[in-house]
Protein backbone atom coordinates (compact mmCIF):
# COMPACT_ATOMS: atom_id res chain seq x y z
CA MET A 1 35.78 108.98 148.81
CA LEU A 2 32.83 109.56 146.50
CA ALA A 3 35.11 110.84 143.74
CA ARG A 4 37.37 107.83 144.19
CA ALA A 5 34.39 105.49 143.97
CA ARG A 6 33.25 107.14 140.75
CA GLU A 7 36.76 106.85 139.33
CA ALA A 8 36.92 103.15 140.21
CA LYS A 9 33.51 102.60 138.66
CA GLY A 10 34.64 104.33 135.48
CA GLU A 11 37.72 102.13 135.33
CA GLU A 12 35.56 99.00 135.64
CA GLU A 13 33.21 100.16 132.89
CA MET A 14 36.18 101.00 130.67
CA ALA A 15 37.69 97.58 131.23
CA GLU A 16 34.41 95.70 130.73
CA ASP A 17 33.12 97.59 127.67
CA PRO A 18 35.99 98.68 125.39
CA ARG A 19 35.19 99.99 121.94
CA LYS A 20 35.04 97.47 119.15
CA LEU A 21 38.20 97.12 117.12
CA LEU A 22 38.16 98.50 113.59
CA PRO A 23 38.73 95.88 110.84
CA GLU A 24 42.27 97.09 110.18
CA GLU A 25 43.04 97.01 113.93
CA ASP A 26 41.67 93.47 114.11
CA PHE A 27 44.03 92.51 111.27
CA LEU A 28 47.04 93.95 113.11
CA ARG A 29 46.00 92.15 116.31
CA THR A 30 45.80 88.88 114.38
CA ALA A 31 49.13 89.54 112.74
CA VAL A 32 50.89 90.12 116.09
CA ASP A 33 49.39 86.94 117.56
CA VAL A 34 50.29 84.87 114.49
CA CYS A 35 53.88 86.16 114.34
CA ARG A 36 54.38 85.50 118.06
CA LYS A 37 52.98 81.99 117.69
CA GLN A 38 55.31 81.23 114.79
CA THR A 39 58.26 82.82 116.68
CA ILE A 40 58.75 85.40 113.92
CA ILE A 41 58.73 88.04 116.65
CA THR A 42 59.40 87.53 120.34
CA ASP A 43 58.31 89.36 123.45
CA ALA A 44 61.81 90.88 123.61
CA ASP A 45 61.31 92.25 120.07
CA ILE A 46 58.05 93.88 121.16
CA VAL A 47 59.68 95.48 124.22
CA THR A 48 62.44 96.83 121.95
CA ARG A 49 59.89 98.43 119.63
CA PHE A 50 57.55 99.45 122.47
CA PRO A 51 59.64 100.20 125.60
CA PRO A 52 57.86 100.27 129.00
CA ARG A 53 57.75 104.07 128.96
CA ASP A 54 55.93 104.07 125.60
CA ILE A 55 53.55 101.35 126.78
CA MET A 56 52.58 103.32 129.88
CA VAL A 57 52.17 106.57 127.95
CA GLY A 58 49.93 104.66 125.55
CA PHE A 59 47.83 103.76 128.61
CA LYS A 60 47.52 107.45 129.63
CA ASP A 61 43.71 107.12 129.71
CA ARG A 62 43.75 103.63 131.25
CA PRO A 63 45.04 103.75 134.84
CA ASP A 64 43.54 100.29 135.33
CA ARG A 65 45.86 98.76 132.72
CA ARG A 66 48.86 100.60 134.16
CA ALA A 67 47.95 99.16 137.56
CA ASP A 68 47.67 95.66 136.05
CA LEU A 69 51.18 95.87 134.63
CA LEU A 70 52.83 97.35 137.71
CA GLY A 71 51.03 94.96 140.04
CA SER A 72 52.14 91.91 138.06
CA CYS A 73 55.72 93.03 137.34
CA THR A 74 56.63 94.95 140.52
CA GLY A 75 54.21 93.70 143.16
CA MET A 76 52.85 97.21 143.76
CA LYS A 77 49.35 97.48 145.22
CA ARG A 78 46.73 98.25 142.59
CA ALA A 79 45.38 101.39 144.27
CA THR A 80 48.86 102.94 144.50
CA ALA A 81 49.88 101.88 141.00
CA SER A 82 46.79 103.41 139.39
CA ARG A 83 47.66 106.82 140.88
CA LEU A 84 51.10 107.02 139.29
CA PRO A 85 51.31 109.27 136.20
CA PRO A 86 52.09 107.41 132.94
CA GLU A 87 55.67 108.70 132.75
CA GLU A 88 56.52 107.66 136.31
CA ALA A 89 54.86 104.29 135.81
CA GLY A 90 56.95 103.80 132.66
CA HIS A 91 60.20 104.71 134.43
CA LEU A 92 59.40 102.32 137.27
CA LEU A 93 58.60 99.44 134.92
CA MET A 94 61.76 100.16 132.89
CA ALA A 95 63.90 100.17 136.04
CA THR A 96 62.36 96.87 137.12
CA LEU A 97 63.17 95.40 133.71
CA ASP A 98 66.74 96.74 133.70
CA GLU A 99 67.41 95.28 137.14
CA GLY A 100 66.17 91.86 136.04
CA ASP A 101 63.27 91.83 138.50
CA THR A 102 60.86 91.26 135.60
CA SER A 103 61.13 90.12 131.98
CA PRO A 104 59.45 90.73 128.61
CA ASP A 105 57.60 87.44 129.04
CA GLU A 106 56.18 88.65 132.37
CA ILE A 107 55.10 91.93 130.77
CA PHE A 108 53.25 90.08 128.03
CA ARG A 109 51.41 87.89 130.47
CA VAL A 110 49.45 91.07 131.12
CA LEU A 111 49.90 93.13 127.95
CA THR A 112 48.00 91.81 124.92
CA SER A 113 48.20 92.36 121.19
CA GLU A 114 44.86 94.16 121.46
CA ASP A 115 46.46 96.64 123.87
CA LEU A 116 49.15 97.39 121.28
CA VAL A 117 46.76 98.11 118.41
CA ARG A 118 44.33 100.09 120.58
CA HIS A 119 46.85 102.44 122.13
CA HIS A 120 49.65 102.74 119.56
CA ALA A 121 49.86 103.87 115.95
CA GLY A 122 49.13 101.17 113.38
CA GLN A 123 52.28 102.15 111.53
CA LEU A 124 54.40 101.15 114.54
CA VAL A 125 52.65 97.79 114.86
CA TRP A 126 53.17 97.16 111.14
CA MET A 127 56.89 97.93 111.50
CA LEU A 128 57.05 95.46 114.41
CA ILE A 129 55.44 92.69 112.38
CA PHE A 130 57.85 93.00 109.46
CA THR A 131 60.95 94.14 111.36
CA SER A 132 62.84 90.96 110.41
CA LYS A 133 61.73 91.01 106.73
CA TRP A 134 60.63 87.41 107.14
CA PRO A 135 58.74 87.14 103.79
CA GLY A 136 62.14 87.15 102.10
CA SER A 137 62.92 83.67 103.47
CA ASP A 138 61.31 80.32 102.82
CA LYS A 139 60.51 78.55 106.09
CA PRO A 140 57.45 76.48 106.97
CA GLU A 141 56.51 78.75 109.88
CA HIS A 142 56.72 81.77 107.59
CA ARG A 143 54.36 80.15 105.09
CA LEU A 144 51.87 79.40 107.86
CA ALA A 145 52.03 83.04 108.96
CA MET A 146 51.50 84.34 105.41
CA ALA A 147 48.49 82.06 104.93
CA ALA A 148 46.91 83.35 108.15
CA LEU A 149 47.51 86.99 107.21
CA LEU A 150 46.09 86.61 103.68
CA ALA A 151 43.05 84.81 105.08
CA SER A 152 42.55 87.65 107.58
CA VAL A 153 42.68 90.25 104.79
CA ILE A 154 40.01 88.36 102.86
CA ASP A 155 37.77 87.66 105.87
CA LEU A 156 37.87 91.30 107.02
CA HIS A 157 37.38 92.69 103.46
CA LEU A 158 40.19 95.15 104.09
CA LEU A 159 40.52 96.19 100.44
CA ASP A 160 36.81 96.67 99.71
CA GLY A 161 35.59 100.06 98.56
CA ASN A 162 35.51 102.38 95.54
CA GLY A 163 33.67 99.80 93.45
CA VAL A 164 36.25 97.05 93.97
CA ASN A 165 36.52 94.09 96.32
CA THR A 166 39.33 92.57 98.32
CA HIS A 167 39.76 89.50 96.12
CA TYR A 168 40.19 91.60 92.99
CA GLU A 169 42.65 93.97 94.70
CA LEU A 170 44.72 91.08 96.05
CA VAL A 171 44.97 89.46 92.62
CA LYS A 172 45.96 92.79 91.05
CA ALA A 173 48.58 93.50 93.75
CA ILE A 174 50.16 90.03 93.59
CA GLY A 175 50.00 89.97 89.78
CA ARG A 176 47.51 88.12 87.57
CA ALA A 177 50.30 86.35 85.71
CA GLN A 178 51.44 84.70 88.96
CA PHE A 179 48.23 82.66 89.17
CA THR A 180 48.75 81.13 85.69
CA SER A 181 52.55 80.78 85.84
CA ASP A 182 54.47 77.52 85.74
CA ARG A 183 54.59 77.53 89.53
CA ILE A 184 50.88 76.65 89.54
CA PRO A 185 50.34 72.91 88.83
CA HIS A 186 48.47 71.98 85.64
CA GLN A 187 45.66 70.48 87.68
CA LYS A 188 45.02 73.76 89.48
CA ARG A 189 45.23 75.75 86.25
CA ASP A 190 42.63 73.41 84.71
CA GLU A 191 40.38 74.01 87.73
CA ILE A 192 40.74 77.79 87.28
CA LEU A 193 39.83 77.49 83.59
CA ALA A 194 36.85 75.25 84.34
CA ALA A 195 35.58 77.69 86.95
CA ALA A 196 35.88 80.56 84.47
CA PHE A 197 33.85 78.63 81.86
CA ALA A 198 31.23 77.67 84.42
CA LEU A 199 30.71 81.27 85.49
CA GLY A 200 30.52 82.54 81.93
CA GLU A 201 28.41 79.83 80.32
CA ASP A 202 26.18 78.62 83.16
CA GLU A 203 25.65 81.80 85.18
CA GLY A 204 26.57 84.54 82.71
CA LYS A 205 28.99 86.13 85.20
CA PRO A 206 32.56 87.30 84.69
CA PHE A 207 35.42 85.45 86.28
CA LEU A 208 36.07 86.99 89.68
CA GLY A 209 39.01 87.04 92.05
CA LYS A 210 36.83 85.35 94.64
CA THR A 211 36.59 82.27 92.44
CA LEU A 212 40.35 82.30 91.99
CA PHE A 213 40.92 82.25 95.74
CA THR A 214 38.32 79.48 96.02
CA VAL A 215 40.48 77.29 93.76
CA LEU A 216 43.71 78.54 95.33
CA PRO A 217 42.96 79.43 98.97
CA PRO A 218 45.76 80.94 101.10
CA PRO A 219 46.88 77.63 102.70
CA ILE A 220 47.52 76.23 99.20
CA ILE A 221 48.88 79.27 97.40
CA VAL A 222 51.58 79.90 100.03
CA ASN A 223 53.13 76.58 99.01
CA LEU A 224 53.10 77.50 95.32
CA LEU A 225 54.21 81.15 95.08
CA GLU A 226 57.13 82.91 96.72
CA LEU A 227 56.34 84.67 99.98
CA ALA A 228 57.94 87.89 98.71
CA VAL A 229 55.39 87.87 95.85
CA LEU A 230 52.46 87.24 98.17
CA GLU A 231 53.70 90.02 100.45
CA LEU A 232 52.70 92.46 97.70
CA GLY A 233 49.08 91.78 98.66
CA LEU A 234 49.79 92.72 102.28
CA LYS A 235 51.60 95.88 101.15
CA ALA A 236 48.45 96.92 99.30
CA VAL A 237 46.68 96.86 102.67
CA ALA A 238 49.50 98.87 104.26
CA ARG A 239 49.28 101.52 101.55
CA LYS A 240 45.53 101.87 101.94
CA TYR A 241 45.76 102.44 105.70
CA GLY A 242 48.97 104.47 105.69
CA TRP A 243 51.22 101.95 107.43
CA GLU A 244 53.89 101.37 104.82
CA SER A 245 55.47 104.83 104.65
CA LYS A 246 58.35 105.40 107.01
CA PRO A 247 57.81 107.69 110.00
CA PRO A 248 59.19 111.19 109.63
CA GLU A 249 62.86 111.33 110.55
CA PRO A 250 64.13 114.22 112.67
CA VAL A 251 66.13 116.79 110.76
CA ILE A 252 69.76 116.52 111.80
CA ALA A 253 72.24 119.14 110.69
CA PRO A 254 75.37 117.61 109.12
CA PRO A 255 78.22 117.71 111.62
CA THR A 256 81.23 119.82 110.84
CA ARG A 257 84.66 118.28 110.72
CA PRO A 258 88.14 119.77 111.10
CA VAL A 259 89.99 120.89 107.98
CA LEU A 260 93.06 118.79 107.34
CA ASP A 261 96.42 120.42 106.70
CA HIS A 262 96.55 119.37 103.06
CA GLU A 263 92.98 120.43 102.18
CA GLU A 264 92.02 123.64 100.44
CA VAL A 265 88.30 122.94 100.05
CA VAL A 266 86.31 120.95 102.59
CA GLY A 267 84.02 118.45 100.93
CA ASP A 268 83.29 114.79 100.35
CA ASP A 269 86.18 114.54 97.89
CA ALA A 270 88.63 115.53 100.65
CA PHE A 271 88.34 111.97 102.04
CA GLU A 272 89.16 110.28 98.75
CA GLY A 273 92.71 109.55 97.67
CA PRO A 274 95.99 110.36 99.41
CA PRO A 275 96.92 113.99 100.07
CA PRO A 276 99.60 115.68 97.97
CA SER A 277 103.09 114.59 98.91
CA PRO A 278 104.78 117.93 99.26
CA ALA A 279 102.36 120.85 98.90
CA GLU A 280 103.90 122.33 95.76
CA THR A 281 102.67 125.17 93.58
CA SER A 282 103.99 126.17 90.18
CA THR A 283 104.04 129.85 89.33
CA ASP A 284 103.94 131.41 85.91
CA ASP A 285 107.63 132.29 86.24
CA GLY A 286 108.62 128.64 86.43
CA VAL A 287 109.43 128.76 90.15
CA LEU A 288 108.86 125.73 92.36
CA GLU A 289 107.59 126.95 95.74
CA LEU A 290 107.16 124.89 98.89
CA ASP A 291 104.42 125.49 101.43
CA ALA A 292 105.72 127.08 104.60
CA ASP A 293 103.86 124.42 106.65
CA GLU A 294 105.69 121.52 104.98
CA PRO A 295 109.11 120.32 106.30
CA SER A 296 111.45 121.76 103.67
CA GLY A 297 114.53 122.80 105.60
CA VAL A 298 114.19 126.45 104.55
CA HIS A 299 112.53 129.46 106.09
CA PRO A 300 109.16 130.78 104.94
CA ALA A 301 109.32 133.00 101.86
CA SER A 302 109.72 136.67 102.55
CA GLN A 303 111.03 137.94 99.18
CA GLU A 304 110.36 137.40 95.49
CA PRO A 305 111.44 133.90 94.36
CA VAL A 306 114.38 133.36 91.97
CA PRO A 307 113.57 131.73 88.60
CA LEU A 308 114.95 128.27 87.94
CA ALA A 309 118.20 127.94 86.05
CA ASN A 310 118.04 126.92 82.40
CA PRO A 311 117.91 123.10 82.05
CA PRO A 312 120.35 121.40 79.63
CA PRO A 313 118.95 120.82 76.14
CA GLY A 314 117.31 117.44 75.81
CA ALA A 315 116.76 117.07 79.53
CA LEU A 316 113.02 117.42 79.11
CA ASP A 317 112.79 115.26 75.99
CA ASP A 318 115.45 112.58 76.35
CA GLY A 319 116.41 112.59 80.01
CA ILE A 320 114.76 111.49 83.21
CA PHE A 321 111.56 113.42 82.45
CA ALA A 322 110.97 111.87 79.02
CA GLY A 323 107.41 110.71 78.46
CA ILE A 324 105.93 112.71 81.35
CA PRO A 325 103.02 114.87 80.13
CA VAL A 326 103.13 118.58 80.76
CA ALA A 327 100.48 119.97 83.12
CA THR A 328 97.47 121.50 81.39
CA SER A 329 94.56 123.69 82.38
CA GLU A 330 92.49 120.53 82.93
CA ASP A 331 94.46 119.72 86.09
CA HIS A 332 91.99 120.70 88.87
CA SER A 333 93.67 118.85 91.70
CA GLY A 334 94.56 122.08 93.49
CA ARG A 335 98.25 121.14 93.64
CA SER A 336 101.17 120.82 91.22
CA ASP A 337 102.99 117.65 90.34
CA ILE A 338 106.18 116.89 88.45
CA ALA A 339 104.49 117.85 85.17
CA GLY A 340 103.87 121.33 86.56
CA PHE A 341 107.52 121.54 87.43
CA ILE A 342 108.50 120.59 83.86
CA ALA A 343 106.20 123.25 82.44
CA GLY A 344 107.89 125.89 84.59
CA ALA A 345 111.33 124.60 83.67
CA LYS A 346 110.53 124.82 79.95
CA LYS A 347 109.42 128.43 80.28
CA ALA A 348 112.49 129.34 82.31
CA GLY A 349 114.70 127.67 79.70
CA SER A 350 113.18 129.64 76.83
CA SER A 351 113.65 132.94 78.66
CA ALA A 352 117.33 132.20 79.34
CA SER A 353 118.18 130.65 75.97
CA SER A 354 120.59 133.49 75.17
CA MET A 355 122.82 132.47 78.03
CA PRO A 356 125.66 130.10 77.06
CA ILE A 357 125.71 126.88 79.07
CA SER A 358 128.80 124.89 79.86
CA GLY A 359 129.17 121.90 77.54
CA HIS A 360 126.79 123.28 74.94
CA GLY A 361 126.80 126.08 72.41
CA ASP A 362 130.01 128.04 71.79
CA GLY A 363 131.86 126.78 74.82
CA GLY A 364 130.90 129.64 77.07
CA VAL A 365 130.49 129.26 80.76
CA SER A 366 127.08 129.65 82.38
CA PRO A 367 126.87 132.37 84.98
CA MET A 368 126.82 131.43 88.62
CA PRO A 369 123.28 131.20 89.93
CA THR A 370 122.22 133.78 92.44
CA ALA A 371 121.82 132.85 96.07
CA PRO A 372 118.51 131.20 96.84
CA THR A 373 115.86 133.47 98.24
CA PRO A 374 114.42 132.22 101.53
CA GLY A 375 111.28 130.24 100.85
CA THR A 376 112.33 129.10 97.35
CA LEU A 377 114.44 126.21 96.14
CA PRO A 378 116.33 126.81 92.88
CA ILE A 379 116.92 123.48 91.21
CA PRO A 380 119.65 123.61 88.51
CA GLY A 381 118.85 121.53 85.45
CA GLY A 382 115.31 120.89 86.61
CA ARG A 383 116.42 118.04 88.92
CA PRO A 384 115.24 118.21 92.57
CA LYS A 385 118.02 118.13 95.15
CA GLY A 386 117.91 116.12 98.35
CA PRO A 387 115.29 113.65 99.56
CA PRO A 388 111.64 114.78 99.31
CA PRO A 389 109.78 115.58 102.52
CA PRO A 390 108.02 112.57 104.02
CA PRO A 391 104.32 112.27 102.99
CA PRO A 392 101.71 112.68 105.76
CA SER A 393 100.02 109.58 107.13
CA SER A 394 96.79 110.13 105.22
CA LEU A 395 95.22 106.82 106.22
CA ILE A 396 95.36 107.58 109.95
CA LYS A 397 94.20 111.17 109.36
CA ARG A 398 91.17 109.97 107.40
CA CYS A 399 90.29 107.44 110.10
CA GLN A 400 90.63 110.06 112.83
CA THR A 401 88.38 112.39 110.85
CA LYS A 402 85.77 109.65 110.50
CA VAL A 403 85.82 109.10 114.27
CA THR A 404 85.38 112.83 114.89
CA THR A 405 82.51 112.99 112.41
CA ALA A 406 80.83 109.93 113.93
CA LYS A 407 81.08 111.41 117.44
CA GLU A 408 79.45 114.64 116.26
CA ALA A 409 76.69 112.67 114.50
CA LEU A 410 75.99 110.63 117.65
CA LYS A 411 75.90 113.78 119.75
CA THR A 412 73.42 115.38 117.36
CA ALA A 413 71.29 112.21 117.19
CA THR A 414 71.16 111.95 120.98
CA LYS A 415 70.01 115.56 121.27
CA ALA A 416 67.35 114.95 118.59
CA ARG A 417 66.10 111.89 120.51
CA GLU A 418 65.92 113.88 123.76
CA ASP A 419 64.02 116.67 121.98
CA ALA A 420 61.59 114.13 120.53
CA GLU A 421 61.01 112.64 124.00
CA ARG A 422 60.24 116.07 125.45
CA THR A 423 57.86 116.81 122.58
CA ARG A 424 56.09 113.49 123.04
CA ASP A 425 55.81 114.04 126.80
CA ARG A 426 54.33 117.50 126.38
CA LYS A 427 51.67 116.40 123.92
CA PHE A 428 51.23 112.71 123.18
CA SER A 429 50.07 111.86 119.67
CA PRO A 430 50.75 109.13 117.08
CA GLU A 431 52.91 111.59 115.15
CA SER A 432 55.08 112.43 118.16
CA GLU A 433 55.45 108.73 118.96
CA LEU A 434 56.53 107.98 115.38
CA ALA A 435 59.01 110.86 115.48
CA LEU A 436 60.49 109.51 118.74
CA THR A 437 60.82 106.02 117.25
CA ALA A 438 62.62 107.44 114.23
CA ALA A 439 64.95 109.47 116.46
CA LYS A 440 65.82 106.33 118.45
CA ASP A 441 66.60 104.44 115.25
CA VAL A 442 68.89 107.27 114.09
CA GLU A 443 70.69 107.25 117.46
CA VAL A 444 71.25 103.48 117.25
CA ALA A 445 72.62 103.84 113.71
CA ALA A 446 74.94 106.66 114.81
CA THR A 447 76.21 104.51 117.69
CA GLU A 448 77.02 101.66 115.31
CA ALA A 449 78.75 104.07 112.93
CA LEU A 450 80.99 105.33 115.76
CA LYS A 451 81.89 101.75 116.71
CA ALA A 452 82.82 101.00 113.09
CA ALA A 453 84.92 104.18 112.82
CA ASN A 454 86.83 103.38 116.04
CA HIS A 455 87.48 99.85 114.80
CA GLU A 456 88.75 101.17 111.47
CA LEU A 457 91.11 103.56 113.29
CA GLU A 458 92.47 100.73 115.44
CA GLU A 459 93.17 98.63 112.36
CA ALA A 460 94.89 101.56 110.63
CA LEU A 461 97.13 102.16 113.65
CA LYS A 462 98.11 98.49 113.69
CA ALA A 463 98.78 98.45 109.94
CA THR A 464 101.09 101.49 110.14
CA GLY A 465 102.97 100.25 113.20
CA HIS A 466 101.70 102.90 115.61
């Protein structure tokens, strides 16, 4: 009983006398309040970025705040709620939220912006504030929010230090030329010039950024300059306090994918372009060989191939192959085409030029060609016989491969998220929390990629009549 009384007393002292917020934490608190007021972020957005489990783990040293949340959202008695470990309290609050017995609005009747900045990394709060990239738009509520944030930076002197002051650093970050551009009315530019003369002539002081923001305070300047330009001043604050850099992403090994029938080398290029129609190879002896895996109507090769018969003179220059370039050493496609066939036919013709051919020369008769060796297809005159084998459905194969790759990526991302959760649970720290957030983002992206790949496969099946 005595120990419990001391614990309760400690909780009361902790609740009544929290440490004073640092200036940068006060800025983030103000930013969250302003963005909620202007509906730039909602309570649902905050719960997405800070799920109940993360909120309760952030309150690992504050059983009183965990009890406040559970009492309000679940009706649990305060004494019982304060004894639950942070992880169990988080699971209970999450289950209550999933079942619809509470809502983000109910959570934030208890949770405050000060709780967020006290118990979570500033980098995460910064990401929450700018998750929608609102400075890129031009809405009245966004201008009001920017004015409040710039005023908070100035009031809290967040960029002071190292011999410089906040006003000077803001002007440098936004760009000096912006304050004298055509977007500034002539009347305001005249006021800036008059203030510069007054400082130099009357007081013997240089023109300072403070004077500039006196002529153009935040509520005025947000209506003159673009919000994306003014955001540069806020990013200078983020850089100073280490908020702007992205959290470290978990290392995910690239998933392997199955090798397609027509591929020789697995790589990114294997996805581009249709596969070869029949898998042909041209040998130095001018023999056209067909892959044993392709539907050719013949048995796999088991003996030496027979060279092609000599084509009729002019067939390569004036006939059906006229104008087709001969294959060269620059062809790195890994497969032969009709030009490769012509090159082999030319070589075969030169080696058999002594043989008389019917209809040419001295009227001799060409000898009968030998029987085709299994696995080869002698083509008299260089002209292919019979219809070519049907090409594989490369579009569907590529889509199926994308689906397989996306499934592997999602599986890997899910495992990385689970590992990050276990690491965070073993030893809570801002770094482990950032790593978990990054892992969750990767898992969401992998889920969306799988959805897109499945949709692409469905469209390909429809387009090909499957």
